[in-house]
Amino acid sequence: MADSDKEVIREAVQEYEDKLTDALARQKEPKPAPETSYGMPLKAVYTPEDTSGQDYLRDLGFPGFIPFHQGYPP
């Protein structure tokens, strides 16, 4: 991804987070921060910047092919 694309995404994420913060501040009762069943915090939105250090084919790949990945049972 080109650096200019990354900057555009960063600016859009910042604008989104600012609007989200304003909207959440107007709520009467704030909701608890979302998290996984293991207690890990979840972000409101994920972007390509969150996976910038990953190589899709090396780290994740396609279903049924090496490297094999399995999710955790519920």
N, C-alpha and C. Protein backbone atom coordinates (compact mmCIF):
# COMPACT_ATOMS: atom_id res chain seq x y z
N MET A 1 0.84 -1.17 0.00
CA MET A 1 0.00 0.00 0.00
C MET A 1 0.89 1.23 0.00
N ALA A 2 0.57 2.19 -0.83
CA ALA A 2 1.37 3.41 -0.94
C ALA A 2 1.24 4.26 0.31
N ASP A 3 2.29 5.02 0.62
CA ASP A 3 2.28 5.88 1.80
C ASP A 3 1.13 6.88 1.75
N SER A 4 0.80 7.39 0.57
CA SER A 4 -0.30 8.36 0.46
C SER A 4 -1.63 7.71 0.82
N ASP A 5 -1.81 6.43 0.45
CA ASP A 5 -3.03 5.71 0.82
C ASP A 5 -3.10 5.53 2.33
N LYS A 6 -1.98 5.19 2.94
CA LYS A 6 -1.94 5.01 4.39
C LYS A 6 -2.31 6.30 5.11
N GLU A 7 -1.81 7.42 4.62
CA GLU A 7 -2.10 8.71 5.25
C GLU A 7 -3.59 9.05 5.13
N VAL A 8 -4.18 8.78 3.97
CA VAL A 8 -5.60 9.02 3.77
C VAL A 8 -6.41 8.18 4.75
N ILE A 9 -6.03 6.91 4.91
CA ILE A 9 -6.74 6.03 5.84
C ILE A 9 -6.56 6.53 7.27
N ARG A 10 -5.35 6.92 7.66
CA ARG A 10 -5.12 7.43 9.02
C ARG A 10 -5.99 8.65 9.31
N GLU A 11 -6.08 9.56 8.34
CA GLU A 11 -6.90 10.76 8.52
C GLU A 11 -8.38 10.39 8.64
N ALA A 12 -8.84 9.46 7.82
CA ALA A 12 -10.23 9.03 7.88
C ALA A 12 -10.54 8.34 9.20
N VAL A 13 -9.62 7.52 9.69
CA VAL A 13 -9.82 6.85 10.98
C VAL A 13 -9.88 7.89 12.10
N GLN A 14 -9.02 8.89 12.06
CA GLN A 14 -9.03 9.94 13.09
C GLN A 14 -10.36 10.70 13.07
N GLU A 15 -10.85 11.02 11.88
CA GLU A 15 -12.14 11.71 11.76
C GLU A 15 -13.26 10.83 12.31
N TYR A 16 -13.24 9.54 11.97
CA TYR A 16 -14.23 8.60 12.47
C TYR A 16 -14.20 8.53 13.99
N GLU A 17 -13.00 8.40 14.56
CA GLU A 17 -12.88 8.29 16.01
C GLU A 17 -13.35 9.56 16.71
N ASP A 18 -13.10 10.72 16.12
CA ASP A 18 -13.58 11.98 16.69
C ASP A 18 -15.10 12.02 16.71
N LYS A 19 -15.72 11.63 15.60
CA LYS A 19 -17.19 11.60 15.53
C LYS A 19 -17.76 10.58 16.49
N LEU A 20 -17.12 9.43 16.59
CA LEU A 20 -17.58 8.38 17.49
C LEU A 20 -17.50 8.85 18.94
N THR A 21 -16.41 9.50 19.31
CA THR A 21 -16.24 10.01 20.66
C THR A 21 -17.34 11.01 21.00
N ASP A 22 -17.64 11.91 20.06
CA ASP A 22 -18.71 12.89 20.28
C ASP A 22 -20.06 12.20 20.46
N ALA A 23 -20.35 11.21 19.62
CA ALA A 23 -21.63 10.50 19.71
C ALA A 23 -21.74 9.72 21.02
N LEU A 24 -20.67 9.07 21.43
CA LEU A 24 -20.70 8.30 22.67
C LEU A 24 -20.83 9.20 23.89
N ALA A 25 -20.27 10.41 23.81
CA ALA A 25 -20.36 11.35 24.93
C ALA A 25 -21.79 11.81 25.16
N ARG A 26 -22.63 11.77 24.13
CA ARG A 26 -24.03 12.20 24.26
C ARG A 26 -24.93 11.10 24.82
N GLN A 27 -24.44 9.88 24.93
CA GLN A 27 -25.25 8.79 25.47
C GLN A 27 -25.44 8.98 26.97
N LYS A 28 -26.62 8.59 27.45
CA LYS A 28 -26.90 8.73 28.88
C LYS A 28 -26.06 7.76 29.69
N GLU A 29 -26.01 6.52 29.26
CA GLU A 29 -25.22 5.50 29.95
C GLU A 29 -24.17 4.97 28.99
N PRO A 30 -22.90 5.23 29.25
CA PRO A 30 -21.88 4.70 28.35
C PRO A 30 -21.83 3.17 28.40
N LYS A 31 -21.68 2.57 27.25
CA LYS A 31 -21.57 1.11 27.18
C LYS A 31 -20.14 0.72 27.52
N PRO A 32 -19.96 -0.46 28.10
CA PRO A 32 -18.58 -0.91 28.38
C PRO A 32 -17.82 -1.15 27.07
N ALA A 33 -16.53 -1.00 27.12
CA ALA A 33 -15.70 -1.23 25.93
C ALA A 33 -15.83 -2.68 25.49
N PRO A 34 -16.00 -2.93 24.18
CA PRO A 34 -16.14 -4.31 23.72
C PRO A 34 -14.84 -5.08 23.89
N GLU A 35 -15.00 -6.36 24.18
CA GLU A 35 -13.83 -7.22 24.33
C GLU A 35 -14.18 -8.65 23.93
N THR A 36 -13.16 -9.44 23.68
CA THR A 36 -13.37 -10.84 23.32
C THR A 36 -13.74 -11.63 24.57
N SER A 37 -14.10 -12.90 24.37
CA SER A 37 -14.42 -13.75 25.52
C SER A 37 -13.20 -14.00 26.40
N TYR A 38 -12.02 -13.69 25.88
CA TYR A 38 -10.78 -13.85 26.64
C TYR A 38 -10.36 -12.54 27.30
N GLY A 39 -11.17 -11.50 27.16
CA GLY A 39 -10.89 -10.22 27.79
C GLY A 39 -9.99 -9.29 27.01
N MET A 40 -9.72 -9.62 25.75
CA MET A 40 -8.89 -8.74 24.92
C MET A 40 -9.75 -7.62 24.36
N PRO A 41 -9.29 -6.37 24.43
CA PRO A 41 -10.10 -5.26 23.90
C PRO A 41 -10.24 -5.32 22.38
N LEU A 42 -11.40 -4.89 21.90
CA LEU A 42 -11.66 -4.83 20.47
C LEU A 42 -11.74 -3.38 20.03
N LYS A 43 -11.21 -3.10 18.86
CA LYS A 43 -11.30 -1.76 18.30
C LYS A 43 -12.66 -1.61 17.61
N ALA A 44 -13.11 -0.37 17.46
CA ALA A 44 -14.38 -0.11 16.78
C ALA A 44 -14.28 -0.42 15.29
N VAL A 45 -13.11 -0.19 14.72
CA VAL A 45 -12.91 -0.43 13.29
C VAL A 45 -11.46 -0.86 13.06
N TYR A 46 -11.28 -1.80 12.16
CA TYR A 46 -9.93 -2.26 11.80
C TYR A 46 -9.65 -1.84 10.37
N THR A 47 -8.41 -1.46 10.10
CA THR A 47 -8.01 -0.98 8.77
C THR A 47 -6.78 -1.75 8.30
N PRO A 48 -6.36 -1.56 7.06
CA PRO A 48 -5.14 -2.22 6.59
C PRO A 48 -3.91 -1.88 7.44
N GLU A 49 -3.94 -0.75 8.12
CA GLU A 49 -2.82 -0.35 8.98
C GLU A 49 -2.62 -1.35 10.12
N ASP A 50 -3.70 -2.01 10.55
CA ASP A 50 -3.62 -2.98 11.64
C ASP A 50 -2.89 -4.26 11.23
N THR A 51 -2.77 -4.50 9.96
CA THR A 51 -2.09 -5.71 9.48
C THR A 51 -0.89 -5.38 8.61
N SER A 52 -0.33 -4.20 8.80
CA SER A 52 0.75 -3.75 7.92
C SER A 52 1.99 -4.63 7.98
N GLY A 53 2.23 -5.31 9.09
CA GLY A 53 3.42 -6.15 9.21
C GLY A 53 3.18 -7.59 8.80
N GLN A 54 2.01 -7.88 8.27
CA GLN A 54 1.69 -9.26 7.91
C GLN A 54 1.72 -9.47 6.41
N ASP A 55 2.12 -10.64 6.03
CA ASP A 55 2.06 -11.08 4.64
C ASP A 55 0.93 -12.10 4.58
N TYR A 56 -0.12 -11.78 3.85
CA TYR A 56 -1.32 -12.63 3.85
C TYR A 56 -1.00 -14.08 3.52
N LEU A 57 -0.28 -14.32 2.45
CA LEU A 57 -0.01 -15.70 2.04
C LEU A 57 0.90 -16.42 3.02
N ARG A 58 1.88 -15.74 3.59
CA ARG A 58 2.81 -16.37 4.52
C ARG A 58 2.15 -16.58 5.89
N ASP A 59 1.42 -15.59 6.39
CA ASP A 59 0.92 -15.62 7.75
C ASP A 59 -0.47 -16.23 7.90
N LEU A 60 -1.31 -16.13 6.88
CA LEU A 60 -2.68 -16.63 7.00
C LEU A 60 -3.01 -17.64 5.92
N GLY A 61 -2.85 -17.28 4.68
CA GLY A 61 -3.10 -18.21 3.58
C GLY A 61 -4.58 -18.45 3.33
N PHE A 62 -4.85 -19.39 2.43
CA PHE A 62 -6.21 -19.71 2.05
C PHE A 62 -6.71 -20.92 2.83
N PRO A 63 -8.04 -21.04 3.01
CA PRO A 63 -8.59 -22.17 3.74
C PRO A 63 -8.19 -23.50 3.11
N GLY A 64 -7.77 -24.45 3.93
CA GLY A 64 -7.42 -25.78 3.46
C GLY A 64 -5.99 -25.95 3.00
N PHE A 65 -5.20 -24.90 3.05
CA PHE A 65 -3.81 -24.96 2.62
C PHE A 65 -2.88 -24.52 3.75
N ILE A 66 -1.63 -24.93 3.66
CA ILE A 66 -0.62 -24.54 4.64
C ILE A 66 -0.41 -23.04 4.54
N PRO A 67 -0.26 -22.30 5.62
CA PRO A 67 -0.30 -22.71 7.02
C PRO A 67 -1.73 -22.93 7.49
N PHE A 68 -1.95 -24.01 8.23
CA PHE A 68 -3.28 -24.33 8.74
C PHE A 68 -3.55 -23.51 10.00
N HIS A 69 -4.73 -22.93 10.08
CA HIS A 69 -5.12 -22.14 11.25
C HIS A 69 -6.47 -22.63 11.73
N GLN A 70 -6.65 -22.63 13.02
CA GLN A 70 -7.92 -23.04 13.60
C GLN A 70 -8.28 -22.04 14.67
N GLY A 71 -9.52 -21.63 14.68
CA GLY A 71 -9.97 -20.71 15.72
C GLY A 71 -10.16 -21.43 17.04
N TYR A 72 -10.34 -20.65 18.08
CA TYR A 72 -10.58 -21.22 19.39
C TYR A 72 -12.04 -21.62 19.50
N PRO A 73 -12.33 -22.70 20.20
CA PRO A 73 -13.73 -23.10 20.37
C PRO A 73 -14.45 -22.08 21.26
N PRO A 74 -15.74 -21.89 21.03
CA PRO A 74 -16.49 -20.91 21.84
C PRO A 74 -16.62 -21.31 23.29
